[in-house]
């Protein structure tokens, strides 16, 4: 016997609570931060070297 989902999805619940946009933005930022960190490790760059590579500079600390 195959069980069907009961109720709404997690995404729809987040939308109902007005949290979807905020949670999605946080998740995207975390993914990008992990990708940047992986690229930095692959190239052997420190956070300072990476920050200096951007001409505009950073106005907030990089995630750990």
PDB file of N, CA and C in Angstrom:
ATOM      1  N   UNK A   1       0.845  -1.175   0.000  1.00  0.00           N
ATOM      2  CA  UNK A   1       0.000   0.000   0.000  1.00  0.00           C
ATOM      3  C   UNK A   1       0.895   1.244   0.000  1.00  0.00           C
ATOM      4  N   UNK A   2       0.628   2.136  -0.910  1.00  0.00           N
ATOM      5  CA  UNK A   2       1.414   3.351  -1.057  1.00  0.00           C
ATOM      6  C   UNK A   2       0.767   4.477  -0.253  1.00  0.00           C
ATOM      7  N   UNK A   3       1.574   5.124   0.602  1.00  0.00           N
ATOM      8  CA  UNK A   3       1.053   6.228   1.417  1.00  0.00           C
ATOM      9  C   UNK A   3       1.117   7.518   0.622  1.00  0.00           C
ATOM     10  N   UNK A   4       0.089   8.311   0.722  1.00  0.00           N
ATOM     11  CA  UNK A   4       0.067   9.623   0.085  1.00  0.00           C
ATOM     12  C   UNK A   4       0.362  10.677   1.130  1.00  0.00           C
ATOM     13  N   UNK A   5       0.889  11.786   0.650  1.00  0.00           N
ATOM     14  CA  UNK A   5       1.157  12.902   1.554  1.00  0.00           C
ATOM     15  C   UNK A   5      -0.159  13.454   2.089  1.00  0.00           C
ATOM     16  N   UNK A   6      -0.151  13.771   3.339  1.00  0.00           N
ATOM     17  CA  UNK A   6      -1.326  14.365   3.969  1.00  0.00           C
ATOM     18  C   UNK A   6      -1.012  15.820   4.248  1.00  0.00           C
ATOM     19  N   UNK A   7      -1.871  16.712   3.844  1.00  0.00           N
ATOM     20  CA  UNK A   7      -1.659  18.127   4.109  1.00  0.00           C
ATOM     21  C   UNK A   7      -0.834  18.794   3.037  1.00  0.00           C
ATOM     22  N   UNK A   8      -0.323  19.952   3.384  1.00  0.00           N
ATOM     23  CA  UNK A   8       0.413  20.759   2.423  1.00  0.00           C
ATOM     24  C   UNK A   8       1.904  20.449   2.475  1.00  0.00           C
ATOM     25  N   UNK A   9       2.624  21.032   1.531  1.00  0.00           N
ATOM     26  CA  UNK A   9       4.070  20.863   1.505  1.00  0.00           C
ATOM     27  C   UNK A   9       4.715  21.859   2.460  1.00  0.00           C
ATOM     28  N   UNK A  10       5.973  21.628   2.729  1.00  0.00           N
ATOM     29  CA  UNK A  10       6.712  22.537   3.598  1.00  0.00           C
ATOM     30  C   UNK A  10       6.785  23.928   2.968  1.00  0.00           C
ATOM     31  N   UNK A  11       7.013  23.959   1.645  1.00  0.00           N
ATOM     32  CA  UNK A  11       7.059  25.254   0.951  1.00  0.00           C
ATOM     33  C   UNK A  11       5.743  26.008   1.097  1.00  0.00           C
ATOM     34  N   UNK A  12       4.627  25.325   0.941  1.00  0.00           N
ATOM     35  CA  UNK A  12       3.342  26.026   1.054  1.00  0.00           C
ATOM     36  C   UNK A  12       3.099  26.487   2.491  1.00  0.00           C
ATOM     37  N   UNK A  13       3.557  25.714   3.457  1.00  0.00           N
ATOM     38  CA  UNK A  13       3.431  26.136   4.854  1.00  0.00           C
ATOM     39  C   UNK A  13       4.245  27.403   5.102  1.00  0.00           C
ATOM     40  N   UNK A  14       5.481  27.428   4.570  1.00  0.00           N
ATOM     41  CA  UNK A  14       6.316  28.622   4.717  1.00  0.00           C
ATOM     42  C   UNK A  14       5.637  29.833   4.074  1.00  0.00           C
ATOM     43  N   UNK A  15       5.013  29.632   2.927  1.00  0.00           N
ATOM     44  CA  UNK A  15       4.299  30.731   2.266  1.00  0.00           C
ATOM     45  C   UNK A  15       3.134  31.212   3.126  1.00  0.00           C
ATOM     46  N   UNK A  16       2.390  30.270   3.674  1.00  0.00           N
ATOM     47  CA  UNK A  16       1.250  30.632   4.522  1.00  0.00           C
ATOM     48  C   UNK A  16       1.695  31.443   5.740  1.00  0.00           C
ATOM     49  N   UNK A  17       2.860  31.120   6.270  1.00  0.00           N
ATOM     50  CA  UNK A  17       3.381  31.813   7.444  1.00  0.00           C
ATOM     51  C   UNK A  17       4.125  33.101   7.075  1.00  0.00           C
ATOM     52  N   UNK A  18       4.278  33.353   5.785  1.00  0.00           N
ATOM     53  CA  UNK A  18       4.987  34.545   5.333  1.00  0.00           C
ATOM     54  C   UNK A  18       6.491  34.449   5.489  1.00  0.00           C
ATOM     55  N   UNK A  19       7.013  33.233   5.507  1.00  0.00           N
ATOM     56  CA  UNK A  19       8.446  33.023   5.747  1.00  0.00           C
ATOM     57  C   UNK A  19       9.206  32.534   4.518  1.00  0.00           C
ATOM     58  N   UNK A  20       8.511  32.213   3.458  1.00  0.00           N
ATOM     59  CA  UNK A  20       9.139  31.561   2.307  1.00  0.00           C
ATOM     60  C   UNK A  20      10.284  32.388   1.720  1.00  0.00           C
ATOM     61  N   UNK A  21      10.032  33.661   1.463  1.00  0.00           N
ATOM     62  CA  UNK A  21      11.054  34.510   0.849  1.00  0.00           C
ATOM     63  C   UNK A  21      12.297  34.616   1.726  1.00  0.00           C
ATOM     64  N   UNK A  22      12.098  34.820   3.012  1.00  0.00           N
ATOM     65  CA  UNK A  22      13.226  34.969   3.934  1.00  0.00           C
ATOM     66  C   UNK A  22      14.032  33.676   4.030  1.00  0.00           C
ATOM     67  N   UNK A  23      13.343  32.555   4.179  1.00  0.00           N
ATOM     68  CA  UNK A  23      14.024  31.258   4.302  1.00  0.00           C
ATOM     69  C   UNK A  23      14.748  30.918   3.005  1.00  0.00           C
ATOM     70  N   UNK A  24      14.123  31.193   1.867  1.00  0.00           N
ATOM     71  CA  UNK A  24      14.757  30.926   0.571  1.00  0.00           C
ATOM     72  C   UNK A  24      16.017  31.767   0.398  1.00  0.00           C
ATOM     73  N   UNK A  25      15.948  33.033   0.774  1.00  0.00           N
ATOM     74  CA  UNK A  25      17.107  33.914   0.648  1.00  0.00           C
ATOM     75  C   UNK A  25      18.265  33.427   1.519  1.00  0.00           C
ATOM     76  N   UNK A  26      17.961  33.008   2.724  1.00  0.00           N
ATOM     77  CA  UNK A  26      18.998  32.496   3.624  1.00  0.00           C
ATOM     78  C   UNK A  26      19.628  31.235   3.045  1.00  0.00           C
ATOM     79  N   UNK A  27      18.800  30.345   2.515  1.00  0.00           N
ATOM     80  CA  UNK A  27      19.310  29.095   1.938  1.00  0.00           C
ATOM     81  C   UNK A  27      20.219  29.380   0.743  1.00  0.00           C
ATOM     82  N   UNK A  28      19.823  30.308  -0.114  1.00  0.00           N
ATOM     83  CA  UNK A  28      20.635  30.650  -1.282  1.00  0.00           C
ATOM     84  C   UNK A  28      21.972  31.250  -0.846  1.00  0.00           C
ATOM     85  N   UNK A  29      21.939  32.134   0.143  1.00  0.00           N
ATOM     86  CA  UNK A  29      23.177  32.739   0.643  1.00  0.00           C
ATOM     87  C   UNK A  29      24.122  31.679   1.200  1.00  0.00           C
ATOM     88  N   UNK A  30      23.570  30.704   1.903  1.00  0.00           N
ATOM     89  CA  UNK A  30      24.419  29.645   2.462  1.00  0.00           C
ATOM     90  C   UNK A  30      25.054  28.795   1.368  1.00  0.00           C
ATOM     91  N   UNK A  31      24.289  28.495   0.327  1.00  0.00           N
ATOM     92  CA  UNK A  31      24.828  27.706  -0.788  1.00  0.00           C
ATOM     93  C   UNK A  31      25.945  28.472  -1.483  1.00  0.00           C
ATOM     94  N   UNK A  32      25.708  29.757  -1.753  1.00  0.00           N
ATOM     95  CA  UNK A  32      26.732  30.572  -2.415  1.00  0.00           C
ATOM     96  C   UNK A  32      27.984  30.672  -1.537  1.00  0.00           C
ATOM     97  N   UNK A  33      27.804  30.857  -0.239  1.00  0.00           N
ATOM     98  CA  UNK A  33      28.947  30.956   0.679  1.00  0.00           C
ATOM     99  C   UNK A  33      29.760  29.665   0.664  1.00  0.00           C
ATOM    100  N   UNK A  34      29.092  28.527   0.642  1.00  0.00           N
ATOM    101  CA  UNK A  34      29.817  27.245   0.598  1.00  0.00           C
ATOM    102  C   UNK A  34      30.549  27.066  -0.725  1.00  0.00           C
ATOM    103  N   UNK A  35      29.938  27.523  -1.815  1.00  0.00           N
ATOM    104  CA  UNK A  35      30.603  27.431  -3.114  1.00  0.00           C
ATOM    105  C   UNK A  35      31.832  28.328  -3.160  1.00  0.00           C
ATOM    106  N   UNK A  36      31.720  29.532  -2.616  1.00  0.00           N
ATOM    107  CA  UNK A  36      32.862  30.447  -2.573  1.00  0.00           C
ATOM    108  C   UNK A  36      33.965  29.863  -1.705  1.00  0.00           C
ATOM    109  N   UNK A  37      33.596  29.324  -0.552  1.00  0.00           N
ATOM    110  CA  UNK A  37      34.585  28.720   0.342  1.00  0.00           C
ATOM    111  C   UNK A  37      35.299  27.548  -0.327  1.00  0.00           C
ATOM    112  N   UNK A  38      34.562  26.717  -1.044  1.00  0.00           N
ATOM    113  CA  UNK A  38      35.165  25.579  -1.742  1.00  0.00           C
ATOM    114  C   UNK A  38      36.126  26.058  -2.821  1.00  0.00           C
ATOM    115  N   UNK A  39      35.743  27.093  -3.554  1.00  0.00           N
ATOM    116  CA  UNK A  39      36.619  27.641  -4.592  1.00  0.00           C
ATOM    117  C   UNK A  39      37.875  28.251  -3.979  1.00  0.00           C
ATOM    118  N   UNK A  40      37.712  28.933  -2.846  1.00  0.00           N
ATOM    119  CA  UNK A  40      38.870  29.516  -2.157  1.00  0.00           C
ATOM    120  C   UNK A  40      39.840  28.434  -1.718  1.00  0.00           C
ATOM    121  N   UNK A  41      39.318  27.351  -1.152  1.00  0.00           N
ATOM    122  CA  UNK A  41      40.179  26.256  -0.711  1.00  0.00           C
ATOM    123  C   UNK A  41      40.879  25.610  -1.897  1.00  0.00           C
ATOM    124  N   UNK A  42      40.150  25.452  -2.992  1.00  0.00           N
ATOM    125  CA  UNK A  42      40.731  24.826  -4.183  1.00  0.00           C
ATOM    126  C   UNK A  42      41.882  25.663  -4.738  1.00  0.00           C
ATOM    127  N   UNK A  43      41.736  26.990  -4.676  1.00  0.00           N
ATOM    128  CA  UNK A  43      42.762  27.883  -5.207  1.00  0.00           C
ATOM    129  C   UNK A  43      43.777  28.308  -4.146  1.00  0.00           C
ATOM    130  N   UNK A  44      43.547  27.904  -2.894  1.00  0.00           N
ATOM    131  CA  UNK A  44      44.467  28.239  -1.819  1.00  0.00           C
ATOM    132  C   UNK A  44      44.432  29.703  -1.416  1.00  0.00           C
ATOM    133  N   UNK A  45      43.262  30.338  -1.512  1.00  0.00           N
ATOM    134  CA  UNK A  45      43.125  31.749  -1.167  1.00  0.00           C
ATOM    135  C   UNK A  45      42.620  31.916   0.262  1.00  0.00           C
ATOM    136  N   UNK A  46      43.102  32.969   0.913  1.00  0.00           N
ATOM    137  CA  UNK A  46      42.575  33.325   2.226  1.00  0.00           C
ATOM    138  C   UNK A  46      41.389  34.268   2.029  1.00  0.00           C
ATOM    139  N   UNK A  47      40.663  34.542   3.114  1.00  0.00           N
ATOM    140  CA  UNK A  47      39.536  35.475   3.032  1.00  0.00           C
ATOM    141  C   UNK A  47      40.015  36.874   2.636  1.00  0.00           C
ATOM    142  N   UNK A  48      41.166  37.280   3.151  1.00  0.00           N
ATOM    143  CA  UNK A  48      41.713  38.606   2.836  1.00  0.00           C
ATOM    144  C   UNK A  48      42.077  38.680   1.354  1.00  0.00           C
ATOM    145  N   UNK A  49      42.737  37.633   0.833  1.00  0.00           N
ATOM    146  CA  UNK A  49      43.094  37.620  -0.583  1.00  0.00           C
ATOM    147  C   UNK A  49      41.842  37.642  -1.465  1.00  0.00           C
ATOM    148  N   UNK A  50      40.835  36.916  -1.070  1.00  0.00           N
ATOM    149  CA  UNK A  50      39.583  36.878  -1.831  1.00  0.00           C
ATOM    150  C   UNK A  50      38.905  38.250  -1.793  1.00  0.00           C
ATOM    151  N   UNK A  51      38.868  38.873  -0.628  1.00  0.00           N
ATOM    152  CA  UNK A  51      38.247  40.190  -0.507  1.00  0.00           C
ATOM    153  C   UNK A  51      39.001  41.225  -1.342  1.00  0.00           C
ATOM    154  N   UNK A  52      40.324  41.132  -1.385  1.00  0.00           N
ATOM    155  CA  UNK A  52      41.121  42.072  -2.168  1.00  0.00           C
ATOM    156  C   UNK A  52      40.933  41.871  -3.670  1.00  0.00           C
ATOM    157  N   UNK A  53      40.434  40.720  -4.074  1.00  0.00           N
ATOM    158  CA  UNK A  53      40.205  40.444  -5.490  1.00  0.00           C
ATOM    159  C   UNK A  53      38.990  41.197  -6.019  1.00  0.00           C
ATOM    160  N   UNK A  54      38.123  41.680  -5.125  1.00  0.00           N
ATOM    161  CA  UNK A  54      36.938  42.428  -5.528  1.00  0.00           C
ATOM    162  C   UNK A  54      37.248  43.919  -5.489  1.00  0.00           C
ATOM    163  N   UNK A  55      37.061  44.623  -6.594  1.00  0.00           N
ATOM    164  CA  UNK A  55      37.409  46.049  -6.613  1.00  0.00           C
ATOM    165  C   UNK A  55      36.527  46.919  -5.717  1.00  0.00           C
ATOM    166  N   UNK A  56      35.322  46.487  -5.423  1.00  0.00           N
ATOM    167  CA  UNK A  56      34.420  47.316  -4.610  1.00  0.00           C
ATOM    168  C   UNK A  56      34.617  47.098  -3.119  1.00  0.00           C
ATOM    169  N   UNK A  57      35.267  46.009  -2.732  1.00  0.00           N
ATOM    170  CA  UNK A  57      35.451  45.707  -1.326  1.00  0.00           C
ATOM    171  C   UNK A  57      34.187  45.140  -0.713  1.00  0.00           C
ATOM    172  N   UNK A  58      34.304  44.672   0.485  1.00  0.00           N
ATOM    173  CA  UNK A  58      33.168  44.081   1.182  1.00  0.00           C
ATOM    174  C   UNK A  58      32.757  44.968   2.344  1.00  0.00           C
ATOM    175  N   UNK A  59      31.468  45.125   2.537  1.00  0.00           N
ATOM    176  CA  UNK A  59      30.976  45.951   3.629  1.00  0.00           C
ATOM    177  C   UNK A  59      30.471  45.098   4.770  1.00  0.00           C
ATOM    178  N   UNK A  60      30.630  43.776   4.658  1.00  0.00           N
ATOM    179  CA  UNK A  60      30.193  42.855   5.703  1.00  0.00           C
ATOM    180  C   UNK A  60      31.185  41.707   5.770  1.00  0.00           C
ATOM    181  N   UNK A  61      31.296  41.043   6.909  1.00  0.00           N
ATOM    182  CA  UNK A  61      32.264  39.943   7.029  1.00  0.00           C
ATOM    183  C   UNK A  61      31.822  38.724   6.222  1.00  0.00           C
ATOM    184  N   UNK A  62      32.788  38.002   5.700  1.00  0.00           N
ATOM    185  CA  UNK A  62      32.485  36.753   4.999  1.00  0.00           C
ATOM    186  C   UNK A  62      32.006  35.709   5.987  1.00  0.00           C
ATOM    187  N   UNK A  63      31.099  34.836   5.580  1.00  0.00           N
ATOM    188  CA  UNK A  63      30.618  33.773   6.499  1.00  0.00           C
ATOM    189  C   UNK A  63      31.731  32.794   6.820  1.00  0.00           C
ATOM    190  N   UNK A  64      31.652  32.226   7.975  1.00  0.00           N
ATOM    191  CA  UNK A  64      32.664  31.249   8.400  1.00  0.00           C
ATOM    192  C   UNK A  64      32.301  29.880   7.941  1.00  0.00           C
TER     193      UNK A  64
END
